[in-house]
Amino acid sequence: MASDDSNQALPQREPYNGLHRRLIIAFDIGTTFSGVSYTILDHGQRPQRKLPALPTNKTATQVFSDLLEYLYQSTQEYIQERHGTSFWSTLIGNIDFIVGHPNGWEGEQQAVMRNAVLAAGLVHIFISASEALCKAMSHHGIMVIDCGGGTIDISTYTRVSNSSLKENGPPPQCLLQGSVLVTQRAQEHLSQTVKGSDYGNPTDIKNMTDYFDRVTKLAYTGSHKTHFVKFGKGSDKDDRYGIIRGSIKMSGTEIEAFFEPSIREIVRVVSEQTRCMNVNISVGDYLS
């Protein structure tokens, strides 16, 4: 592991006073990204901050391939632990791999994925998440609205046979208007609202944003209802900024404005593609 020079500005940690060597593992489980870090504690020594060095001369395709290989190995170990090694051996040669990708990824991007999958030793099967849903449907015309955290993918398909779909009407749309953007707009609003107050610091704004993302955004049902975004202690109060008992007041109209750009774009694209559709399917993190 290579040391990270950027950590030199951080305060020194106290030496470990325990008598026995210890391994500390920290998990950070998130809805979009997850990570893990660890440290080894030895008596009398300060914990070291280190980051693994990035591989030299690695292309994006090679990094993608390494990740796919790791995920496949982890999946294999998981299945073997729960179903047995002999069960796994009966599946060798009968495994289909599906690597999904966003709508709008054409031949160039798919070629990169194909090369990465081949380099990782996997079978290459490419199908978008939206098409995968349509494969199970029997309707002649289907619109799929995949409302995810980062993007909203909208596609219209026509079934031309039992095993074939055809994109119908306008090309698939990939909108950068997912639920993450709603939270981002809320954060910008909160930052401006509490600017100049005692609560305009990064920690309080982060707490406000986190609560909005976890609770307020999911509880919002319309502009008629006022919400209170929790972030601090019961003693935190500033009437000038709408802060009461550790919560900041947020009107339904304000929250509506965070959703409005995304909804406007969805309505625009759906209106363009509805001419050829019998059924629409809405999926994704955004809908929750």
Protein backbone atom coordinates (compact mmCIF):
# COMPACT_ATOMS: atom_id res chain seq x y z
CA MET A 1 0.00 0.00 0.00
CA ALA A 2 1.29 3.46 -0.85
CA SER A 3 1.03 6.38 1.51
CA ASP A 4 -1.19 9.31 0.62
CA ASP A 5 0.71 12.60 0.84
CA SER A 6 -2.53 14.55 1.14
CA ASN A 7 -3.03 13.09 4.62
CA GLN A 8 0.02 14.93 6.00
CA ALA A 9 -2.15 17.97 6.73
CA LEU A 10 -4.49 15.93 8.93
CA PRO A 11 -3.97 15.92 12.72
CA GLN A 12 -1.82 13.12 14.14
CA ARG A 13 -3.65 10.26 15.77
CA GLU A 14 -2.79 9.12 19.26
CA PRO A 15 -0.64 5.97 19.63
CA TYR A 16 -2.58 2.78 20.23
CA ASN A 17 -2.45 1.82 23.94
CA GLY A 18 -3.84 -1.71 23.65
CA LEU A 19 -1.66 -4.69 24.44
CA HIS A 20 -2.69 -6.82 21.48
CA ARG A 21 -2.63 -6.13 17.77
CA ARG A 22 -6.11 -5.33 16.43
CA LEU A 23 -7.69 -5.11 13.01
CA ILE A 24 -10.39 -2.45 12.63
CA ILE A 25 -12.72 -2.68 9.61
CA ALA A 26 -15.16 0.13 8.79
CA PHE A 27 -18.08 -0.32 6.38
CA ASP A 28 -19.83 2.56 4.63
CA ILE A 29 -23.04 1.22 3.05
CA GLY A 30 -24.78 3.75 0.84
CA THR A 31 -27.66 3.72 -1.64
CA THR A 32 -25.42 4.88 -4.49
CA PHE A 33 -21.87 4.00 -3.40
CA SER A 34 -20.48 1.70 -0.72
CA GLY A 35 -16.97 1.31 0.59
CA VAL A 36 -14.78 -0.33 3.19
CA SER A 37 -11.57 0.71 4.92
CA TYR A 38 -9.36 -0.89 7.54
CA THR A 39 -6.49 -0.11 9.90
CA ILE A 40 -4.06 -2.31 11.84
CA LEU A 41 -3.32 -1.20 15.41
CA ASP A 42 -0.01 -2.07 17.08
CA HIS A 43 0.89 -1.17 20.66
CA GLY A 44 2.63 2.20 20.95
CA GLN A 45 2.27 3.05 17.28
CA ARG A 46 0.10 5.66 15.63
CA PRO A 47 -2.49 4.35 13.15
CA GLN A 48 -1.29 4.95 9.60
CA ARG A 49 -3.36 6.55 6.89
CA LYS A 50 -2.62 4.78 3.63
CA LEU A 51 -4.30 4.35 0.29
CA PRO A 52 -3.52 1.64 -2.24
CA ALA A 53 -1.56 2.96 -5.19
CA LEU A 54 -3.42 3.01 -8.49
CA PRO A 55 -2.12 0.47 -11.00
CA THR A 56 0.23 2.00 -13.55
CA ASN A 57 -0.61 1.91 -17.25
CA LYS A 58 -4.16 0.75 -16.59
CA THR A 59 -6.85 1.70 -19.08
CA ALA A 60 -10.50 2.23 -18.19
CA THR A 61 -11.33 -1.03 -19.94
CA GLN A 62 -8.77 -2.93 -17.85
CA VAL A 63 -10.11 -1.43 -14.62
CA PHE A 64 -13.64 -2.36 -15.69
CA SER A 65 -12.43 -5.88 -16.46
CA ASP A 66 -10.74 -6.24 -13.07
CA LEU A 67 -13.95 -5.17 -11.31
CA LEU A 68 -16.05 -7.63 -13.31
CA GLU A 69 -13.63 -10.45 -12.52
CA TYR A 70 -13.75 -9.59 -8.81
CA LEU A 71 -17.56 -9.45 -8.78
CA TYR A 72 -17.76 -12.79 -10.57
CA GLN A 73 -15.37 -14.43 -8.10
CA SER A 74 -17.36 -13.03 -5.17
CA THR A 75 -20.59 -14.35 -6.67
CA GLN A 76 -19.03 -17.77 -7.21
CA GLU A 77 -17.85 -17.92 -3.59
CA TYR A 78 -21.28 -16.84 -2.33
CA ILE A 79 -23.10 -19.53 -4.33
CA GLN A 80 -20.61 -22.23 -3.35
CA GLU A 81 -20.94 -21.37 0.35
CA ARG A 82 -24.72 -21.66 0.24
CA HIS A 83 -25.31 -24.38 -2.34
CA GLY A 84 -22.10 -26.37 -2.27
CA THR A 85 -19.12 -26.75 -4.58
CA SER A 86 -20.62 -29.77 -6.33
CA PHE A 87 -23.73 -27.77 -7.19
CA TRP A 88 -21.56 -25.03 -8.70
CA SER A 89 -19.65 -27.55 -10.81
CA THR A 90 -22.90 -28.66 -12.46
CA LEU A 91 -23.47 -25.10 -13.68
CA ILE A 92 -20.11 -24.57 -15.41
CA GLY A 93 -20.79 -24.09 -19.08
CA ASN A 94 -24.42 -23.17 -18.43
CA ILE A 95 -24.01 -19.66 -17.05
CA ASP A 96 -25.40 -16.61 -18.83
CA PHE A 97 -23.94 -13.21 -17.95
CA ILE A 98 -25.98 -10.07 -18.43
CA VAL A 99 -24.29 -6.67 -18.21
CA GLY A 100 -26.81 -3.85 -18.29
CA HIS A 101 -26.05 -0.34 -19.51
CA PRO A 102 -27.89 3.00 -19.74
CA ASN A 103 -30.08 3.82 -22.73
CA GLY A 104 -28.12 5.75 -25.32
CA TRP A 105 -24.97 3.64 -25.06
CA GLU A 106 -24.32 2.65 -28.64
CA GLY A 107 -21.72 0.50 -30.39
CA GLU A 108 -18.64 2.32 -29.12
CA GLN A 109 -19.56 2.04 -25.44
CA GLN A 110 -20.84 -1.51 -25.85
CA ALA A 111 -17.56 -2.48 -27.51
CA VAL A 112 -15.66 -1.27 -24.44
CA MET A 113 -17.96 -3.32 -22.21
CA ARG A 114 -17.59 -6.34 -24.46
CA ASN A 115 -13.79 -6.15 -24.33
CA ALA A 116 -13.87 -5.80 -20.54
CA VAL A 117 -16.19 -8.80 -20.17
CA LEU A 118 -14.03 -10.91 -22.46
CA ALA A 119 -10.86 -9.91 -20.61
CA ALA A 120 -12.52 -10.90 -17.33
CA GLY A 121 -13.29 -14.34 -18.75
CA LEU A 122 -17.08 -13.94 -18.87
CA VAL A 123 -19.63 -14.62 -21.60
CA HIS A 124 -20.72 -11.46 -23.45
CA ILE A 125 -24.46 -10.73 -23.42
CA PHE A 126 -25.55 -7.12 -23.73
CA ILE A 127 -29.06 -5.89 -23.06
CA SER A 128 -30.26 -2.64 -21.53
CA ALA A 129 -32.28 -2.68 -18.32
CA SER A 130 -35.31 -1.35 -20.18
CA GLU A 131 -35.16 -4.05 -22.85
CA ALA A 132 -34.84 -6.73 -20.18
CA LEU A 133 -38.20 -5.67 -18.75
CA CYS A 134 -39.81 -5.72 -22.16
CA LYS A 135 -38.63 -9.26 -22.86
CA ALA A 136 -41.10 -10.53 -20.29
CA MET A 137 -44.08 -8.59 -21.65
CA SER A 138 -46.61 -9.77 -24.22
CA HIS A 139 -47.98 -6.39 -25.29
CA HIS A 140 -47.37 -5.06 -28.78
CA GLY A 141 -46.26 -1.61 -27.72
CA ILE A 142 -44.51 -0.78 -24.47
CA MET A 143 -42.98 2.35 -22.99
CA VAL A 144 -40.46 1.87 -20.21
CA ILE A 145 -39.71 4.77 -17.87
CA ASP A 146 -36.70 3.81 -15.75
CA CYS A 147 -36.48 6.49 -13.06
CA GLY A 148 -33.15 5.93 -11.34
CA GLY A 149 -30.98 7.81 -8.92
CA GLY A 150 -28.82 9.54 -11.52
CA THR A 151 -30.64 9.16 -14.82
CA ILE A 152 -34.13 8.67 -16.19
CA ASP A 153 -34.19 6.32 -19.19
CA ILE A 154 -37.27 6.39 -21.42
CA SER A 155 -37.76 4.02 -24.35
CA THR A 156 -40.64 2.88 -26.54
CA TYR A 157 -40.60 -0.62 -28.04
CA THR A 158 -42.73 -2.64 -30.44
CA ARG A 159 -42.69 -6.44 -30.29
CA VAL A 160 -42.04 -7.78 -33.79
CA SER A 161 -41.85 -11.46 -32.77
CA ASN A 162 -41.82 -13.65 -29.67
CA SER A 163 -38.11 -13.07 -29.23
CA SER A 164 -37.50 -9.70 -30.85
CA LEU A 165 -38.19 -6.10 -29.93
CA LYS A 166 -37.94 -3.02 -32.09
CA GLU A 167 -37.36 0.51 -30.86
CA ASN A 168 -40.29 2.56 -32.00
CA GLY A 169 -40.66 6.27 -32.64
CA PRO A 170 -38.05 8.71 -31.29
CA PRO A 171 -34.71 7.31 -30.09
CA PRO A 172 -34.34 6.31 -26.42
CA GLN A 173 -33.82 9.22 -24.07
CA CYS A 174 -31.39 9.31 -21.14
CA LEU A 175 -32.17 12.32 -18.94
CA LEU A 176 -29.77 13.48 -16.24
CA GLN A 177 -32.68 14.24 -13.94
CA GLY A 178 -32.73 11.36 -11.45
CA SER A 179 -33.57 11.54 -7.75
CA VAL A 180 -30.01 12.59 -6.87
CA LEU A 181 -30.64 15.87 -8.71
CA VAL A 182 -33.70 16.53 -6.53
CA THR A 183 -31.53 16.25 -3.42
CA GLN A 184 -28.87 18.42 -5.02
CA ARG A 185 -31.37 21.19 -5.69
CA ALA A 186 -32.60 20.90 -2.10
CA GLN A 187 -29.05 21.25 -0.81
CA GLU A 188 -28.49 24.39 -2.86
CA HIS A 189 -31.75 25.85 -1.55
CA LEU A 190 -30.90 25.03 2.07
CA SER A 191 -27.43 26.53 1.72
CA GLN A 192 -28.90 29.80 0.49
CA THR A 193 -31.67 29.79 3.09
CA VAL A 194 -29.36 29.52 6.12
CA LYS A 195 -26.56 31.63 4.65
CA GLY A 196 -25.45 34.17 7.25
CA SER A 197 -26.94 32.26 10.18
CA ASP A 198 -25.21 30.16 12.82
CA TYR A 199 -26.39 27.09 10.92
CA GLY A 200 -24.81 27.81 7.56
CA ASN A 201 -21.81 25.60 8.28
CA PRO A 202 -21.04 22.46 6.21
CA THR A 203 -21.97 20.06 9.02
CA ASP A 204 -25.47 21.44 9.58
CA ILE A 205 -26.14 21.75 5.85
CA LYS A 206 -25.05 18.15 5.35
CA ASN A 207 -27.35 17.00 8.17
CA MET A 208 -30.23 18.93 6.60
CA THR A 209 -29.52 17.45 3.17
CA ASP A 210 -29.21 13.91 4.52
CA TYR A 211 -32.53 14.17 6.34
CA PHE A 212 -34.21 15.61 3.27
CA ASP A 213 -32.87 12.76 1.15
CA ARG A 214 -33.86 10.02 3.61
CA VAL A 215 -37.18 11.36 4.91
CA THR A 216 -38.58 14.56 3.43
CA LYS A 217 -38.14 13.64 -0.22
CA LEU A 218 -39.91 10.32 0.31
CA ALA A 219 -42.71 11.83 2.42
CA TYR A 220 -43.51 14.61 -0.05
CA THR A 221 -46.99 14.20 -1.56
CA GLY A 222 -47.80 17.68 -2.86
CA SER A 223 -47.39 21.42 -2.44
CA HIS A 224 -50.19 21.64 0.14
CA LYS A 225 -48.12 20.31 3.05
CA THR A 226 -45.29 21.96 5.00
CA HIS A 227 -42.34 19.83 6.11
CA PHE A 228 -39.69 20.26 8.79
CA VAL A 229 -36.19 19.06 7.95
CA LYS A 230 -34.39 17.91 11.09
CA PHE A 231 -30.70 18.60 11.50
CA GLY A 232 -29.81 19.66 15.05
CA LYS A 233 -30.73 19.73 18.73
CA GLY A 234 -34.03 20.78 20.23
CA SER A 235 -32.40 23.98 21.49
CA ASP A 236 -31.43 25.12 17.96
CA LYS A 237 -33.72 27.98 17.00
CA ASP A 238 -33.70 31.02 14.73
CA ASP A 239 -37.09 32.40 13.67
CA ARG A 240 -35.50 34.60 11.01
CA TYR A 241 -34.43 31.50 9.08
CA GLY A 242 -37.42 29.29 9.84
CA ILE A 243 -35.46 27.14 12.28
CA ILE A 244 -37.50 25.67 15.14
CA ARG A 245 -36.32 23.03 17.64
CA GLY A 246 -33.48 21.78 15.46
CA SER A 247 -35.54 21.67 12.27
CA ILE A 248 -35.82 24.03 9.33
CA LYS A 249 -39.20 24.78 7.84
CA MET A 250 -39.70 23.94 4.16
CA SER A 251 -42.95 24.63 2.33
CA GLY A 252 -44.50 22.18 -0.08
CA THR A 253 -44.11 24.74 -2.85
CA GLU A 254 -40.37 24.91 -2.24
CA ILE A 255 -40.06 21.12 -2.37
CA GLU A 256 -42.17 21.03 -5.52
CA ALA A 257 -39.58 23.23 -7.21
CA PHE A 258 -36.89 20.60 -6.58
CA PHE A 259 -38.92 17.97 -8.44
CA GLU A 260 -40.25 20.23 -11.17
CA PRO A 261 -37.28 20.14 -13.63
CA SER A 262 -37.23 16.34 -13.57
CA ILE A 263 -40.99 16.00 -13.96
CA ARG A 264 -41.06 18.56 -16.77
CA GLU A 265 -38.45 16.61 -18.74
CA ILE A 266 -40.21 13.28 -18.15
CA VAL A 267 -43.54 14.70 -19.35
CA ARG A 268 -41.88 16.20 -22.43
CA VAL A 269 -40.24 12.94 -23.52
CA VAL A 270 -43.25 10.78 -22.65
CA SER A 271 -45.49 13.06 -24.70
CA GLU A 272 -43.18 12.59 -27.68
CA GLN A 273 -43.21 8.81 -27.42
CA THR A 274 -46.79 7.96 -26.37
CA ARG A 275 -48.09 7.71 -29.94
CA CYS A 276 -46.79 4.13 -30.33
CA MET A 277 -47.38 2.70 -26.87
CA ASN A 278 -50.05 0.40 -25.40
CA VAL A 279 -48.60 0.02 -21.90
CA ASN A 280 -46.04 2.00 -19.93
CA ILE A 281 -43.82 0.50 -17.25
CA SER A 282 -42.27 2.75 -14.62
CA VAL A 283 -39.39 1.44 -12.53
CA GLY A 284 -36.33 2.71 -10.64
CA ASP A 285 -35.12 4.27 -7.41
CA TYR A 286 -36.74 7.62 -8.16
CA LEU A 287 -40.26 6.16 -7.91
CA SER A 288 -39.70 5.17 -4.29
